[in-house]
Amino acid sequence: MARALVNLPPTVRRGQPFEVRALVSHAMETGFRPGADGKVLPRDIIRRFTCHYNHELAFAADLHPAMAANPYIAFYLMPDEPGVLEFRWVGDNGFVHTETRTLVVKP
């Protein structure tokens, strides 16, 4: 099971952008590197990251084999109401990891 870290401010102001930072633990094997036996290790990467804000897509990124292990993603959101942020990482070999956070918005 993957471990994810999501960093949000404890509260945000309505209409003010804030930074969201997300990191997930994953080896991100490219599929090009030989293993100890000389055979190429199979590809195992996270292909897609999404963030939904109150069930609407707020941010998405497609990842490729050139991404480093334990991909770190930072982006900005501008809230207009309190709600729930859902973070989802989808990868090869059936990898799916989801985290949710409640967003507290002050006027």
N, C-alpha and C. Protein backbone atom coordinates (compact mmCIF):
# COMPACT_ATOMS: atom_id res chain seq x y z
N MET A 1 0.83 -1.17 0.00
CA MET A 1 0.00 0.00 0.00
C MET A 1 0.88 1.24 0.00
N ALA A 2 0.50 2.21 -0.79
CA ALA A 2 1.26 3.45 -0.90
C ALA A 2 1.00 4.37 0.28
N ARG A 3 1.94 5.24 0.51
CA ARG A 3 1.77 6.25 1.55
C ARG A 3 1.78 7.60 0.85
N ALA A 4 0.79 8.42 1.14
CA ALA A 4 0.69 9.74 0.52
C ALA A 4 0.73 10.82 1.59
N LEU A 5 1.33 11.94 1.23
CA LEU A 5 1.34 13.12 2.08
C LEU A 5 0.68 14.25 1.30
N VAL A 6 -0.32 14.87 1.90
CA VAL A 6 -1.01 16.00 1.28
C VAL A 6 -0.90 17.16 2.24
N ASN A 7 -0.43 18.30 1.75
CA ASN A 7 -0.24 19.46 2.59
C ASN A 7 -1.16 20.58 2.13
N LEU A 8 -2.05 21.01 3.05
CA LEU A 8 -2.98 22.12 2.82
C LEU A 8 -2.89 23.06 4.02
N PRO A 9 -3.20 24.34 3.82
CA PRO A 9 -3.31 25.21 4.99
C PRO A 9 -4.51 24.79 5.83
N PRO A 10 -4.50 25.06 7.14
CA PRO A 10 -5.64 24.66 7.98
C PRO A 10 -6.94 25.36 7.58
N THR A 11 -6.84 26.62 7.17
CA THR A 11 -8.00 27.35 6.64
C THR A 11 -7.53 28.19 5.46
N VAL A 12 -8.45 28.47 4.55
CA VAL A 12 -8.14 29.34 3.41
C VAL A 12 -9.24 30.40 3.32
N ARG A 13 -8.92 31.49 2.64
CA ARG A 13 -9.89 32.57 2.47
C ARG A 13 -10.59 32.44 1.12
N ARG A 14 -11.88 32.70 1.12
CA ARG A 14 -12.67 32.64 -0.10
C ARG A 14 -12.06 33.57 -1.16
N GLY A 15 -11.86 33.02 -2.36
CA GLY A 15 -11.33 33.80 -3.48
C GLY A 15 -9.83 34.04 -3.47
N GLN A 16 -9.12 33.51 -2.47
CA GLN A 16 -7.67 33.66 -2.39
C GLN A 16 -7.00 32.35 -2.81
N PRO A 17 -6.08 32.38 -3.77
CA PRO A 17 -5.41 31.14 -4.16
C PRO A 17 -4.54 30.61 -3.02
N PHE A 18 -4.42 29.30 -2.96
CA PHE A 18 -3.55 28.66 -1.98
C PHE A 18 -2.85 27.48 -2.64
N GLU A 19 -1.70 27.11 -2.08
CA GLU A 19 -0.90 26.03 -2.66
C GLU A 19 -1.30 24.69 -2.06
N VAL A 20 -1.42 23.70 -2.92
CA VAL A 20 -1.66 22.32 -2.53
C VAL A 20 -0.40 21.55 -2.89
N ARG A 21 0.08 20.74 -1.95
CA ARG A 21 1.27 19.92 -2.21
C ARG A 21 0.93 18.47 -1.92
N ALA A 22 1.27 17.59 -2.85
CA ALA A 22 0.95 16.17 -2.71
C ALA A 22 2.15 15.32 -3.12
N LEU A 23 2.42 14.30 -2.33
CA LEU A 23 3.52 13.38 -2.61
C LEU A 23 3.03 11.97 -2.32
N VAL A 24 3.40 11.03 -3.17
CA VAL A 24 3.03 9.64 -2.93
C VAL A 24 4.28 8.78 -3.05
N SER A 25 4.38 7.76 -2.20
CA SER A 25 5.53 6.85 -2.27
C SER A 25 5.29 5.81 -3.36
N HIS A 26 6.19 5.79 -4.33
CA HIS A 26 6.08 4.84 -5.44
C HIS A 26 7.44 4.79 -6.14
N ALA A 27 7.91 3.61 -6.48
CA ALA A 27 9.25 3.43 -7.06
C ALA A 27 9.39 4.00 -8.46
N MET A 28 8.31 4.05 -9.24
CA MET A 28 8.32 4.59 -10.60
C MET A 28 9.39 3.90 -11.47
N GLU A 29 9.24 2.62 -11.67
CA GLU A 29 10.17 1.86 -12.52
C GLU A 29 9.86 2.14 -13.99
N THR A 30 10.85 2.61 -14.75
CA THR A 30 10.64 3.10 -16.12
C THR A 30 10.36 2.02 -17.15
N GLY A 31 10.84 0.81 -16.93
CA GLY A 31 10.71 -0.24 -17.93
C GLY A 31 11.89 -0.28 -18.88
N PHE A 32 12.91 0.53 -18.64
CA PHE A 32 14.10 0.57 -19.48
C PHE A 32 15.35 0.09 -18.75
N ARG A 33 15.29 -0.05 -17.44
CA ARG A 33 16.46 -0.36 -16.63
C ARG A 33 16.62 -1.87 -16.46
N PRO A 34 17.85 -2.38 -16.66
CA PRO A 34 18.07 -3.81 -16.44
C PRO A 34 18.18 -4.13 -14.95
N GLY A 35 17.68 -5.30 -14.58
CA GLY A 35 17.78 -5.76 -13.21
C GLY A 35 19.09 -6.48 -12.97
N ALA A 36 19.26 -7.10 -11.82
CA ALA A 36 20.49 -7.81 -11.46
C ALA A 36 20.78 -8.97 -12.40
N ASP A 37 19.73 -9.57 -12.97
CA ASP A 37 19.91 -10.69 -13.89
C ASP A 37 20.12 -10.25 -15.34
N GLY A 38 20.13 -8.93 -15.59
CA GLY A 38 20.34 -8.42 -16.94
C GLY A 38 19.05 -8.23 -17.73
N LYS A 39 17.95 -8.75 -17.25
CA LYS A 39 16.67 -8.58 -17.94
C LYS A 39 16.06 -7.23 -17.55
N VAL A 40 15.37 -6.65 -18.50
CA VAL A 40 14.75 -5.35 -18.26
C VAL A 40 13.61 -5.52 -17.24
N LEU A 41 13.62 -4.65 -16.23
CA LEU A 41 12.55 -4.66 -15.22
C LEU A 41 11.26 -4.13 -15.85
N PRO A 42 10.14 -4.73 -15.55
CA PRO A 42 8.88 -4.27 -16.14
C PRO A 42 8.50 -2.86 -15.67
N ARG A 43 7.86 -2.13 -16.55
CA ARG A 43 7.42 -0.77 -16.24
C ARG A 43 6.38 -0.80 -15.12
N ASP A 44 6.51 0.13 -14.19
CA ASP A 44 5.54 0.27 -13.10
C ASP A 44 5.56 1.73 -12.66
N ILE A 45 4.73 2.55 -13.30
CA ILE A 45 4.71 3.98 -13.00
C ILE A 45 3.30 4.43 -12.63
N ILE A 46 3.23 5.60 -12.02
CA ILE A 46 1.94 6.27 -11.84
C ILE A 46 1.70 7.03 -13.12
N ARG A 47 0.56 6.80 -13.74
CA ARG A 47 0.26 7.41 -15.03
C ARG A 47 -0.55 8.70 -14.91
N ARG A 48 -1.37 8.81 -13.88
CA ARG A 48 -2.28 9.96 -13.80
C ARG A 48 -2.52 10.37 -12.35
N PHE A 49 -2.54 11.67 -12.14
CA PHE A 49 -2.89 12.26 -10.86
C PHE A 49 -4.05 13.21 -11.08
N THR A 50 -5.08 13.12 -10.23
CA THR A 50 -6.21 14.06 -10.31
C THR A 50 -6.56 14.58 -8.93
N CYS A 51 -7.13 15.78 -8.92
CA CYS A 51 -7.65 16.37 -7.70
C CYS A 51 -9.04 16.89 -8.03
N HIS A 52 -10.01 16.40 -7.30
CA HIS A 52 -11.39 16.85 -7.45
C HIS A 52 -11.76 17.70 -6.24
N TYR A 53 -12.44 18.81 -6.50
CA TYR A 53 -12.90 19.73 -5.46
C TYR A 53 -14.43 19.71 -5.51
N ASN A 54 -15.05 19.17 -4.48
CA ASN A 54 -16.50 18.98 -4.45
C ASN A 54 -17.00 18.26 -5.71
N HIS A 55 -16.35 17.17 -6.05
CA HIS A 55 -16.69 16.27 -7.16
C HIS A 55 -16.45 16.87 -8.55
N GLU A 56 -15.81 18.03 -8.64
CA GLU A 56 -15.46 18.61 -9.93
C GLU A 56 -13.95 18.55 -10.09
N LEU A 57 -13.49 18.21 -11.30
CA LEU A 57 -12.06 18.14 -11.56
C LEU A 57 -11.45 19.53 -11.40
N ALA A 58 -10.46 19.64 -10.51
CA ALA A 58 -9.80 20.92 -10.25
C ALA A 58 -8.38 20.93 -10.83
N PHE A 59 -7.73 19.76 -10.88
CA PHE A 59 -6.36 19.67 -11.39
C PHE A 59 -6.12 18.24 -11.85
N ALA A 60 -5.37 18.10 -12.94
CA ALA A 60 -4.99 16.76 -13.42
C ALA A 60 -3.61 16.84 -14.06
N ALA A 61 -2.87 15.75 -13.96
CA ALA A 61 -1.55 15.66 -14.58
C ALA A 61 -1.33 14.24 -15.07
N ASP A 62 -0.80 14.11 -16.30
CA ASP A 62 -0.38 12.82 -16.82
C ASP A 62 1.10 12.69 -16.56
N LEU A 63 1.51 11.57 -15.96
CA LEU A 63 2.91 11.35 -15.63
C LEU A 63 3.51 10.34 -16.60
N HIS A 64 4.82 10.41 -16.78
CA HIS A 64 5.53 9.57 -17.76
C HIS A 64 6.73 8.91 -17.09
N PRO A 65 7.37 7.95 -17.76
CA PRO A 65 8.48 7.23 -17.14
C PRO A 65 9.63 8.12 -16.67
N ALA A 66 9.77 9.31 -17.20
CA ALA A 66 10.87 10.19 -16.79
C ALA A 66 10.65 10.81 -15.41
N MET A 67 9.46 10.66 -14.83
CA MET A 67 9.20 11.20 -13.49
C MET A 67 10.04 10.44 -12.46
N ALA A 68 10.46 11.16 -11.45
CA ALA A 68 11.26 10.56 -10.38
C ALA A 68 10.39 9.68 -9.49
N ALA A 69 11.05 8.84 -8.74
CA ALA A 69 10.34 8.04 -7.73
C ALA A 69 9.69 8.98 -6.73
N ASN A 70 8.61 8.53 -6.11
CA ASN A 70 7.89 9.32 -5.11
C ASN A 70 7.50 10.70 -5.66
N PRO A 71 6.69 10.72 -6.72
CA PRO A 71 6.39 11.99 -7.38
C PRO A 71 5.72 13.01 -6.45
N TYR A 72 6.24 14.23 -6.53
CA TYR A 72 5.77 15.38 -5.77
C TYR A 72 5.09 16.33 -6.74
N ILE A 73 3.88 16.75 -6.42
CA ILE A 73 3.12 17.63 -7.29
C ILE A 73 2.63 18.80 -6.45
N ALA A 74 2.80 20.02 -6.97
CA ALA A 74 2.32 21.22 -6.30
C ALA A 74 1.51 22.03 -7.30
N PHE A 75 0.40 22.59 -6.84
CA PHE A 75 -0.45 23.41 -7.71
C PHE A 75 -1.28 24.33 -6.83
N TYR A 76 -1.93 25.30 -7.45
CA TYR A 76 -2.75 26.27 -6.71
C TYR A 76 -4.23 26.08 -7.03
N LEU A 77 -5.06 26.30 -6.02
CA LEU A 77 -6.51 26.31 -6.17
C LEU A 77 -7.04 27.62 -5.58
N MET A 78 -8.21 28.05 -6.09
CA MET A 78 -8.87 29.22 -5.55
C MET A 78 -10.27 28.81 -5.12
N PRO A 79 -10.49 28.67 -3.82
CA PRO A 79 -11.77 28.16 -3.34
C PRO A 79 -12.87 29.23 -3.32
N ASP A 80 -14.11 28.77 -3.52
CA ASP A 80 -15.24 29.68 -3.36
C ASP A 80 -16.21 29.20 -2.29
N GLU A 81 -15.99 27.96 -1.82
CA GLU A 81 -16.84 27.42 -0.76
C GLU A 81 -16.11 26.27 -0.06
N PRO A 82 -16.51 25.94 1.16
CA PRO A 82 -15.91 24.78 1.84
C PRO A 82 -16.25 23.51 1.08
N GLY A 83 -15.46 22.49 1.29
CA GLY A 83 -15.76 21.23 0.61
C GLY A 83 -14.71 20.18 0.84
N VAL A 84 -14.72 19.20 -0.04
CA VAL A 84 -13.82 18.06 0.06
C VAL A 84 -12.91 18.02 -1.16
N LEU A 85 -11.63 17.81 -0.90
CA LEU A 85 -10.66 17.58 -1.98
C LEU A 85 -10.35 16.09 -2.03
N GLU A 86 -10.47 15.50 -3.21
CA GLU A 86 -10.14 14.09 -3.38
C GLU A 86 -8.94 13.99 -4.32
N PHE A 87 -7.89 13.37 -3.83
CA PHE A 87 -6.65 13.18 -4.58
C PHE A 87 -6.58 11.73 -5.02
N ARG A 88 -6.23 11.50 -6.28
CA ARG A 88 -6.22 10.12 -6.80
C ARG A 88 -5.00 9.93 -7.70
N TRP A 89 -4.23 8.89 -7.39
CA TRP A 89 -3.09 8.49 -8.19
C TRP A 89 -3.43 7.15 -8.84
N VAL A 90 -3.26 7.03 -10.15
CA VAL A 90 -3.57 5.79 -10.88
C VAL A 90 -2.32 5.39 -11.65
N GLY A 91 -1.96 4.12 -11.56
CA GLY A 91 -0.74 3.66 -12.22
C GLY A 91 -0.87 2.31 -12.86
N ASP A 92 0.27 1.81 -13.30
CA ASP A 92 0.35 0.49 -13.92
C ASP A 92 0.07 -0.60 -12.89
N ASN A 93 -0.22 -1.78 -13.39
CA ASN A 93 -0.41 -2.97 -12.57
C ASN A 93 -1.51 -2.81 -11.52
N GLY A 94 -2.54 -2.04 -11.86
CA GLY A 94 -3.69 -1.89 -10.96
C GLY A 94 -3.48 -0.95 -9.79
N PHE A 95 -2.42 -0.16 -9.80
CA PHE A 95 -2.14 0.76 -8.69
C PHE A 95 -3.17 1.88 -8.67
N VAL A 96 -3.85 2.05 -7.56
CA VAL A 96 -4.77 3.18 -7.33
C VAL A 96 -4.66 3.56 -5.86
N HIS A 97 -4.46 4.84 -5.62
CA HIS A 97 -4.42 5.32 -4.24
C HIS A 97 -5.23 6.62 -4.18
N THR A 98 -6.11 6.72 -3.18
CA THR A 98 -6.98 7.88 -3.03
C THR A 98 -6.86 8.43 -1.62
N GLU A 99 -6.80 9.74 -1.52
CA GLU A 99 -6.80 10.45 -0.24
C GLU A 99 -7.85 11.55 -0.31
N THR A 100 -8.50 11.85 0.79
CA THR A 100 -9.45 12.96 0.84
C THR A 100 -9.09 13.89 1.99
N ARG A 101 -9.35 15.17 1.78
CA ARG A 101 -9.13 16.18 2.81
C ARG A 101 -10.30 17.16 2.78
N THR A 102 -10.68 17.63 3.96
CA THR A 102 -11.73 18.63 4.06
C THR A 102 -11.11 20.01 3.97
N LEU A 103 -11.70 20.87 3.14
CA LEU A 103 -11.19 22.22 2.95
C LEU A 103 -12.07 23.18 3.74
N VAL A 104 -11.45 23.92 4.65
CA VAL A 104 -12.17 24.90 5.47
C VAL A 104 -11.95 26.27 4.83
N VAL A 105 -13.04 26.91 4.41
CA VAL A 105 -12.97 28.20 3.73
C VAL A 105 -13.64 29.26 4.61
N LYS A 106 -12.90 30.34 4.86
CA LYS A 106 -13.43 31.46 5.64
C LYS A 106 -13.71 32.63 4.71
N PRO A 107 -14.71 33.45 5.04
CA PRO A 107 -15.04 34.60 4.17
C PRO A 107 -13.95 35.64 4.14
